[in-house]
Structures are given as structure tokens and as C-alpha cells.
Amino acid sequence: MIIIDANNLVLGRLAARAAKLCLMGEKVSIINCEKAVISGNKKQLLEKWRVRLHLGQPRKGPLYYRAPAPFVRRAVRGMLPHKNARGREAFSRLRCFSSAPKGLEGKGVRIDRADVTKLPNLKYVRIGELCRLIGAKA
């Protein structure tokens, strides 16, 4: 089992690496999902998600997750072929946690190329903060 610490990792790069590991047959746990980041201007990202959340019918969808762990899990699903058996099986190997559970504290692996310091600019927002702004419960 591979444990990835998402603290200060860019969401897209983290999701791509986790998806690849799941497809190769590894069980992947992502911890500290609320500390991962999305690059971009905070106001523009917030506006984009507010527009996306208010599309369609409230009962029928499209529905989006507002909590950090399912938010990250959905990002990884977007990088898997989830509509066929191989992708569904790979997706079942993924677990996401908003913070570090007792048994997994301090065991996370870092992904070098996905760190926030590799961004060309320092405009980013943390997943936990974005989720709270779009309506996550505490």
C-alpha cells in the first residue's frame, strides 16, 4: 500500500500520479487532502466552482462534492477510465482522507514534481479553504 501525503501538492499532478499507481495495481491512500492546492487566482476559482455548483436541477444534478476528501477522489476518478471494468477496479483501490488517520500519521510519501514550489507563480488556494467557501460543513 502506498500512502501519499497531499500537503502542499498540486491537485492535478497528485491525481495523475495516484491514478497511474491505481492502474498498476497498487492500493493508494491519500492523506491530508484538505492541504492540497489548486493553482490559480482564488477569486476566479471560487467563481468557477460557484457557477458549476448552480448548474442544472438541484435534485437531478450535476452534483459535486464539497468536502475535501471526496473532492480529491473525484479528481483522481477523472484521470481513470472509470466507465470500464479496469478503471472501476483501479478506482476501488483508492482511499482519501481529509487529515491523517491515527495509523497513517507520518508515513506519507512525497511526490517531488508535484510540490507547490514548482509552480511558476505563487497564486494558489488550498482544497480545504475552497471547499469551505463553496459550502462544505466545517
Protein backbone atom coordinates (compact mmCIF):
# COMPACT_ATOMS: atom_id res chain seq x y z
CA MET A 1 0.00 0.00 0.00
CA ILE A 2 1.30 3.44 -0.94
CA ILE A 3 0.45 6.41 1.28
CA ILE A 4 0.70 9.86 -0.34
CA ASP A 5 0.83 12.97 1.83
CA ALA A 6 -1.03 15.67 -0.12
CA ASN A 7 0.33 18.56 1.97
CA ASN A 8 1.42 21.35 -0.46
CA LEU A 9 0.93 19.16 -3.55
CA VAL A 10 -0.80 20.44 -6.70
CA LEU A 11 -4.09 18.57 -7.13
CA GLY A 12 -3.77 17.71 -10.82
CA ARG A 13 -0.25 16.33 -10.52
CA LEU A 14 -1.16 14.41 -7.38
CA ALA A 15 -4.27 12.96 -9.05
CA ALA A 16 -2.33 11.88 -12.15
CA ARG A 17 0.29 10.07 -10.08
CA ALA A 18 -2.33 8.39 -7.86
CA ALA A 19 -4.37 7.30 -10.90
CA LYS A 20 -1.31 5.74 -12.52
CA LEU A 21 -0.43 3.84 -9.34
CA CYS A 22 -4.01 2.55 -9.02
CA LEU A 23 -3.97 1.35 -12.63
CA MET A 24 -0.72 -0.51 -11.96
CA GLY A 25 -2.45 -2.48 -9.19
CA GLU A 26 -1.23 -0.60 -6.10
CA LYS A 27 -3.53 0.33 -3.23
CA VAL A 28 -3.23 4.09 -2.70
CA SER A 29 -4.21 6.16 0.33
CA ILE A 30 -4.07 9.95 0.09
CA ILE A 31 -3.85 11.72 3.45
CA ASN A 32 -4.18 15.44 4.28
CA CYS A 33 -6.42 16.11 1.25
CA GLU A 34 -7.52 19.46 2.65
CA LYS A 35 -3.90 20.70 2.48
CA ALA A 36 -3.50 20.03 -1.26
CA VAL A 37 -3.62 23.08 -3.54
CA ILE A 38 -5.18 24.16 -6.83
CA SER A 39 -3.17 26.69 -8.80
CA GLY A 40 -4.85 29.89 -9.91
CA ASN A 41 -6.44 33.05 -8.62
CA LYS A 42 -8.66 32.45 -5.58
CA LYS A 43 -11.49 34.71 -6.79
CA GLN A 44 -11.58 33.13 -10.24
CA LEU A 45 -11.54 29.58 -8.85
CA LEU A 46 -14.32 30.39 -6.41
CA GLU A 47 -16.45 31.94 -9.16
CA LYS A 48 -15.84 28.93 -11.44
CA TRP A 49 -16.99 26.48 -8.74
CA ARG A 50 -20.00 28.58 -7.76
CA VAL A 51 -21.18 28.64 -11.39
CA ARG A 52 -20.57 24.90 -11.70
CA LEU A 53 -22.49 24.16 -8.49
CA HIS A 54 -25.56 26.12 -9.57
CA LEU A 55 -25.96 24.49 -12.99
CA GLY A 56 -28.88 22.16 -13.61
CA GLN A 57 -31.59 20.96 -11.28
CA PRO A 58 -30.84 20.70 -7.54
CA ARG A 59 -32.35 17.21 -7.33
CA LYS A 60 -31.14 15.76 -10.61
CA GLY A 61 -27.64 17.17 -10.99
CA PRO A 62 -24.95 17.56 -11.93
CA LEU A 63 -23.93 17.11 -8.31
CA TYR A 64 -20.45 17.97 -6.99
CA TYR A 65 -18.72 17.09 -3.76
CA ARG A 66 -17.97 19.92 -1.35
CA ALA A 67 -15.90 18.06 1.27
CA PRO A 68 -12.11 17.84 0.67
CA ALA A 69 -11.65 14.04 0.60
CA PRO A 70 -14.39 13.26 -1.97
CA PHE A 71 -13.30 16.35 -3.94
CA VAL A 72 -9.80 14.88 -4.36
CA ARG A 73 -11.19 11.39 -5.00
CA ARG A 74 -13.34 12.78 -7.82
CA ALA A 75 -10.28 14.49 -9.34
CA VAL A 76 -8.45 11.15 -9.41
CA ARG A 77 -11.52 9.47 -10.94
CA GLY A 78 -11.35 11.96 -13.80
CA MET A 79 -7.93 10.58 -14.70
CA LEU A 80 -9.07 6.95 -14.72
CA PRO A 81 -11.07 5.10 -17.39
CA HIS A 82 -13.87 4.76 -14.82
CA LYS A 83 -16.51 3.65 -17.30
CA ASN A 84 -14.92 0.26 -17.91
CA ALA A 85 -14.05 -2.61 -15.58
CA ARG A 86 -10.32 -1.87 -15.40
CA GLY A 87 -10.95 1.72 -14.32
CA ARG A 88 -13.64 0.81 -11.79
CA GLU A 89 -11.33 -1.76 -10.26
CA ALA A 90 -8.49 0.77 -10.09
CA PHE A 91 -10.80 3.36 -8.52
CA SER A 92 -11.77 0.89 -5.80
CA ARG A 93 -8.10 0.75 -4.74
CA LEU A 94 -8.10 4.47 -3.85
CA ARG A 95 -8.83 5.88 -0.39
CA CYS A 96 -8.76 9.57 0.55
CA PHE A 97 -8.68 11.19 3.99
CA SER A 98 -9.11 14.88 4.85
CA SER A 99 -6.49 14.61 7.59
CA ALA A 100 -4.09 11.85 8.64
CA PRO A 101 -5.78 8.94 10.46
CA LYS A 102 -4.09 7.57 13.60
CA GLY A 103 -2.44 4.61 11.88
CA LEU A 104 -1.15 6.59 8.89
CA GLU A 105 0.38 9.64 10.60
CA GLY A 106 3.91 10.42 9.46
CA LYS A 107 4.01 7.60 6.89
CA GLY A 108 3.19 9.65 3.80
CA VAL A 109 5.37 9.64 0.69
CA ARG A 110 6.18 12.94 -1.02
CA ILE A 111 5.90 13.43 -4.78
CA ASP A 112 8.78 15.70 -5.81
CA ARG A 113 7.46 17.10 -9.09
CA ALA A 114 4.00 17.87 -7.69
CA ASP A 115 5.12 20.31 -4.97
CA VAL A 116 3.66 23.82 -4.87
CA THR A 117 7.16 25.32 -5.08
CA LYS A 118 7.34 24.10 -8.70
CA LEU A 119 4.54 26.46 -9.77
CA PRO A 120 5.61 29.38 -11.98
CA ASN A 121 3.63 31.79 -9.79
CA LEU A 122 2.51 31.61 -6.20
CA LYS A 123 -1.22 32.01 -6.83
CA TYR A 124 -2.96 29.02 -5.38
CA VAL A 125 -5.74 28.07 -2.97
CA ARG A 126 -5.89 25.10 -0.61
CA ILE A 127 -8.59 22.50 -1.19
CA GLY A 128 -9.86 22.81 2.39
CA GLU A 129 -10.31 26.56 2.03
CA LEU A 130 -12.01 26.26 -1.37
CA CYS A 131 -14.36 23.58 -0.06
CA ARG A 132 -15.34 25.73 2.92
CA LEU A 133 -16.04 28.67 0.60
CA ILE A 134 -18.29 26.61 -1.70
CA GLY A 135 -20.29 25.22 1.21
CA ALA A 136 -18.55 22.32 2.94
CA LYS A 137 -19.60 21.72 6.51
CA ALA A 138 -16.73 22.65 8.85
